Amino acid sequence: MTRKILGTGWKFPIRVDARGGLAYAREEQSVQEAIWIILGTAPGERRMRSEFGCGIHELVFAPNNPATRGNVAHQVRQALTRWEPRIDVLSVQVDGDTETPNLLLIRVDYRIRTSNSMQNLVYPFYIRNESGG
């Protein structure tokens, strides 16, 4: 079965299951949680793998404008292509939230290579608290 190739890992964040053991993520959920970890980690944050992560965290004080949104999309695509070999990134769209001017919604459409399964997720990313751009 090709789904077993996707692997099993600790749930993120780490949790205890109903029997008192570690909770695990399997198959597609494992891939989705890996993407969240990549996007949520700033390069330099992990001592033993200092290049791991996504460069969007350097843009936290950037204005909410088309250039910043384009840069976020580029950084996300670059990080996922480098750090998640189980997927093909199909598209990355970054949109602002009209009700929350400092919130960028990052939509990632991807295909899991072993199963050709199409998936997507939306990752919230907050930039500076000032409005305007």
C-alpha atoms as a PDB file:
ATOM      1  CA  MET A   1       0.000   0.000   0.000  1.00  0.00           C
ATOM      2  CA  THR A   2       1.534   3.342  -1.075  1.00  0.00           C
ATOM      3  CA  ARG A   3       0.089   5.324   1.851  1.00  0.00           C
ATOM      4  CA  LYS A   4       2.476   3.635   4.326  1.00  0.00           C
ATOM      5  CA  ILE A   5       5.347   5.312   2.493  1.00  0.00           C
ATOM      6  CA  LEU A   6       4.055   8.661   3.767  1.00  0.00           C
ATOM      7  CA  GLY A   7       5.104   7.639   7.240  1.00  0.00           C
ATOM      8  CA  THR A   8       4.079   8.066  10.813  1.00  0.00           C
ATOM      9  CA  GLY A   9       5.374  10.647  13.265  1.00  0.00           C
ATOM     10  CA  TRP A  10       4.537  12.394  16.478  1.00  0.00           C
ATOM     11  CA  LYS A  11       1.484  14.659  16.275  1.00  0.00           C
ATOM     12  CA  PHE A  12       2.251  18.333  16.298  1.00  0.00           C
ATOM     13  CA  PRO A  13       2.096  19.781  18.815  1.00  0.00           C
ATOM     14  CA  ILE A  14       3.166  16.724  20.782  1.00  0.00           C
ATOM     15  CA  ARG A  15       0.191  15.203  22.625  1.00  0.00           C
ATOM     16  CA  VAL A  16      -0.708  12.251  24.790  1.00  0.00           C
ATOM     17  CA  ASP A  17      -3.353   9.852  23.442  1.00  0.00           C
ATOM     18  CA  ALA A  18      -6.254   8.323  25.397  1.00  0.00           C
ATOM     19  CA  ARG A  19      -4.076   5.415  26.564  1.00  0.00           C
ATOM     20  CA  GLY A  20      -1.341   7.662  27.947  1.00  0.00           C
ATOM     21  CA  GLY A  21       1.108   7.177  25.057  1.00  0.00           C
ATOM     22  CA  LEU A  22       2.292   9.602  22.429  1.00  0.00           C
ATOM     23  CA  ALA A  23      -0.256  10.534  19.768  1.00  0.00           C
ATOM     24  CA  TYR A  24       0.876   9.909  16.192  1.00  0.00           C
ATOM     25  CA  ALA A  25       0.034  11.430  12.811  1.00  0.00           C
ATOM     26  CA  ARG A  26      -0.159   9.054   9.873  1.00  0.00           C
ATOM     27  CA  GLU A  27      -0.129   9.277   6.090  1.00  0.00           C
ATOM     28  CA  GLU A  28      -1.654  12.514   4.702  1.00  0.00           C
ATOM     29  CA  GLN A  29      -1.976  14.012   8.190  1.00  0.00           C
ATOM     30  CA  SER A  30       1.750  13.472   8.696  1.00  0.00           C
ATOM     31  CA  VAL A  31       2.482  15.405   5.505  1.00  0.00           C
ATOM     32  CA  GLN A  32       0.144  18.249   6.488  1.00  0.00           C
ATOM     33  CA  GLU A  33       1.711  18.566   9.926  1.00  0.00           C
ATOM     34  CA  ALA A  34       5.193  18.578   8.366  1.00  0.00           C
ATOM     35  CA  ILE A  35       4.141  21.502   6.165  1.00  0.00           C
ATOM     36  CA  TRP A  36       2.903  23.408   9.236  1.00  0.00           C
ATOM     37  CA  ILE A  37       6.229  22.735  10.981  1.00  0.00           C
ATOM     38  CA  ILE A  38       8.217  23.985   7.980  1.00  0.00           C
ATOM     39  CA  LEU A  39       6.142  27.167   7.665  1.00  0.00           C
ATOM     40  CA  GLY A  40       6.168  27.780  11.411  1.00  0.00           C
ATOM     41  CA  THR A  41       9.939  27.456  11.797  1.00  0.00           C
ATOM     42  CA  ALA A  42      12.257  30.368  11.110  1.00  0.00           C
ATOM     43  CA  PRO A  43      15.682  29.546   9.644  1.00  0.00           C
ATOM     44  CA  GLY A  44      18.225  29.509  12.454  1.00  0.00           C
ATOM     45  CA  GLU A  45      15.670  28.351  15.017  1.00  0.00           C
ATOM     46  CA  ARG A  46      16.964  24.758  15.056  1.00  0.00           C
ATOM     47  CA  ARG A  47      20.537  24.471  16.236  1.00  0.00           C
ATOM     48  CA  MET A  48      21.374  21.186  14.536  1.00  0.00           C
ATOM     49  CA  ARG A  49      19.722  22.175  11.247  1.00  0.00           C
ATOM     50  CA  SER A  50      20.031  25.944  11.104  1.00  0.00           C
ATOM     51  CA  GLU A  51      18.878  26.281   7.478  1.00  0.00           C
ATOM     52  CA  PHE A  52      15.591  24.433   8.130  1.00  0.00           C
ATOM     53  CA  GLY A  53      12.385  26.456   7.961  1.00  0.00           C
ATOM     54  CA  CYS A  54      10.736  29.175   5.935  1.00  0.00           C
ATOM     55  CA  GLY A  55      11.977  32.727   5.373  1.00  0.00           C
ATOM     56  CA  ILE A  56       8.550  34.333   5.866  1.00  0.00           C
ATOM     57  CA  HIS A  57       9.461  35.176   9.451  1.00  0.00           C
ATOM     58  CA  GLU A  58      11.885  37.814   8.171  1.00  0.00           C
ATOM     59  CA  LEU A  59       8.855  39.610   6.695  1.00  0.00           C
ATOM     60  CA  VAL A  60       6.899  40.039   9.913  1.00  0.00           C
ATOM     61  CA  PHE A  61       7.457  43.816   9.867  1.00  0.00           C
ATOM     62  CA  ALA A  62       6.875  44.243   6.121  1.00  0.00           C
ATOM     63  CA  PRO A  63       3.872  46.242   4.906  1.00  0.00           C
ATOM     64  CA  ASN A  64       0.770  44.398   3.755  1.00  0.00           C
ATOM     65  CA  ASN A  65       1.115  45.071   0.044  1.00  0.00           C
ATOM     66  CA  PRO A  66       1.378  43.059  -3.190  1.00  0.00           C
ATOM     67  CA  ALA A  67       5.194  42.960  -3.045  1.00  0.00           C
ATOM     68  CA  THR A  68       5.176  41.461   0.455  1.00  0.00           C
ATOM     69  CA  ARG A  69       2.483  38.936  -0.478  1.00  0.00           C
ATOM     70  CA  GLY A  70       4.510  37.917  -3.542  1.00  0.00           C
ATOM     71  CA  ASN A  71       7.631  37.535  -1.428  1.00  0.00           C
ATOM     72  CA  VAL A  72       5.730  35.398   1.103  1.00  0.00           C
ATOM     73  CA  ALA A  73       4.482  33.147  -1.710  1.00  0.00           C
ATOM     74  CA  HIS A  74       8.034  32.777  -3.053  1.00  0.00           C
ATOM     75  CA  GLN A  75       9.469  31.962   0.387  1.00  0.00           C
ATOM     76  CA  VAL A  76       6.751  29.354   1.050  1.00  0.00           C
ATOM     77  CA  ARG A  77       7.230  27.635  -2.313  1.00  0.00           C
ATOM     78  CA  GLN A  78      11.016  27.618  -1.873  1.00  0.00           C
ATOM     79  CA  ALA A  79      10.861  26.158   1.659  1.00  0.00           C
ATOM     80  CA  LEU A  80       8.335  23.443   0.826  1.00  0.00           C
ATOM     81  CA  THR A  81      10.222  22.432  -2.314  1.00  0.00           C
ATOM     82  CA  ARG A  82      13.419  22.097  -0.299  1.00  0.00           C
ATOM     83  CA  TRP A  83      12.156  20.509   2.921  1.00  0.00           C
ATOM     84  CA  GLU A  84       9.135  18.356   2.030  1.00  0.00           C
ATOM     85  CA  PRO A  85      10.117  15.768  -0.611  1.00  0.00           C
ATOM     86  CA  ARG A  86       6.795  13.895  -0.375  1.00  0.00           C
ATOM     87  CA  ILE A  87       4.888  16.644  -2.200  1.00  0.00           C
ATOM     88  CA  ASP A  88       4.788  18.687  -5.387  1.00  0.00           C
ATOM     89  CA  VAL A  89       3.757  22.281  -4.691  1.00  0.00           C
ATOM     90  CA  LEU A  90       1.088  23.155  -7.250  1.00  0.00           C
ATOM     91  CA  SER A  91       0.331  26.721  -6.192  1.00  0.00           C
ATOM     92  CA  VAL A  92       0.817  29.184  -3.366  1.00  0.00           C
ATOM     93  CA  GLN A  93      -1.637  32.075  -3.025  1.00  0.00           C
ATOM     94  CA  VAL A  94      -1.326  34.780  -0.404  1.00  0.00           C
ATOM     95  CA  ASP A  95      -4.331  36.955   0.339  1.00  0.00           C
ATOM     96  CA  GLY A  96      -4.995  39.622   2.920  1.00  0.00           C
ATOM     97  CA  ASP A  97      -7.938  39.403   5.306  1.00  0.00           C
ATOM     98  CA  THR A  98     -10.216  42.446   4.991  1.00  0.00           C
ATOM     99  CA  GLU A  99     -11.299  42.254   8.648  1.00  0.00           C
ATOM    100  CA  THR A 100      -7.773  41.780  10.017  1.00  0.00           C
ATOM    101  CA  PRO A 101      -5.315  43.966   8.076  1.00  0.00           C
ATOM    102  CA  ASN A 102      -2.238  42.324   9.599  1.00  0.00           C
ATOM    103  CA  LEU A 103      -3.306  38.773   8.677  1.00  0.00           C
ATOM    104  CA  LEU A 104      -2.102  37.064   5.512  1.00  0.00           C
ATOM    105  CA  LEU A 105      -3.774  33.801   4.529  1.00  0.00           C
ATOM    106  CA  ILE A 106      -1.350  31.498   2.732  1.00  0.00           C
ATOM    107  CA  ARG A 107      -3.127  28.846   0.667  1.00  0.00           C
ATOM    108  CA  VAL A 108      -0.926  25.973  -0.453  1.00  0.00           C
ATOM    109  CA  ASP A 109      -2.210  23.493  -3.040  1.00  0.00           C
ATOM    110  CA  TYR A 110      -0.052  20.393  -3.289  1.00  0.00           C
ATOM    111  CA  ARG A 111       0.001  16.844  -4.619  1.00  0.00           C
ATOM    112  CA  ILE A 112       1.286  13.929  -2.596  1.00  0.00           C
ATOM    113  CA  ARG A 113       3.723  12.178  -4.905  1.00  0.00           C
ATOM    114  CA  THR A 114       3.104   8.559  -3.883  1.00  0.00           C
ATOM    115  CA  SER A 115      -0.671   8.667  -4.217  1.00  0.00           C
ATOM    116  CA  ASN A 116      -1.283  11.615  -6.599  1.00  0.00           C
ATOM    117  CA  SER A 117      -3.712  12.855  -3.941  1.00  0.00           C
ATOM    118  CA  MET A 118      -4.443  16.591  -4.228  1.00  0.00           C
ATOM    119  CA  GLN A 119      -4.473  18.441  -0.909  1.00  0.00           C
ATOM    120  CA  ASN A 120      -4.508  22.022   0.311  1.00  0.00           C
ATOM    121  CA  LEU A 121      -4.140  23.954   3.502  1.00  0.00           C
ATOM    122  CA  VAL A 122      -4.426  27.539   4.640  1.00  0.00           C
ATOM    123  CA  TYR A 123      -1.722  28.848   6.939  1.00  0.00           C
ATOM    124  CA  PRO A 124      -2.315  32.126   8.823  1.00  0.00           C
ATOM    125  CA  PHE A 125       0.665  34.495   8.957  1.00  0.00           C
ATOM    126  CA  TYR A 126       0.616  37.747  10.901  1.00  0.00           C
ATOM    127  CA  ILE A 127       2.633  40.769   9.861  1.00  0.00           C
ATOM    128  CA  ARG A 128       3.118  44.052  11.725  1.00  0.00           C
ATOM    129  CA  ASN A 129       0.159  45.434  13.686  1.00  0.00           C
ATOM    130  CA  GLU A 130      -0.074  48.684  11.743  1.00  0.00           C
ATOM    131  CA  SER A 131      -2.628  48.911   8.979  1.00  0.00           C
ATOM    132  CA  GLY A 132      -1.936  50.321   5.587  1.00  0.00           C
ATOM    133  CA  GLY A 133       0.591  49.615   3.123  1.00  0.00           C
END
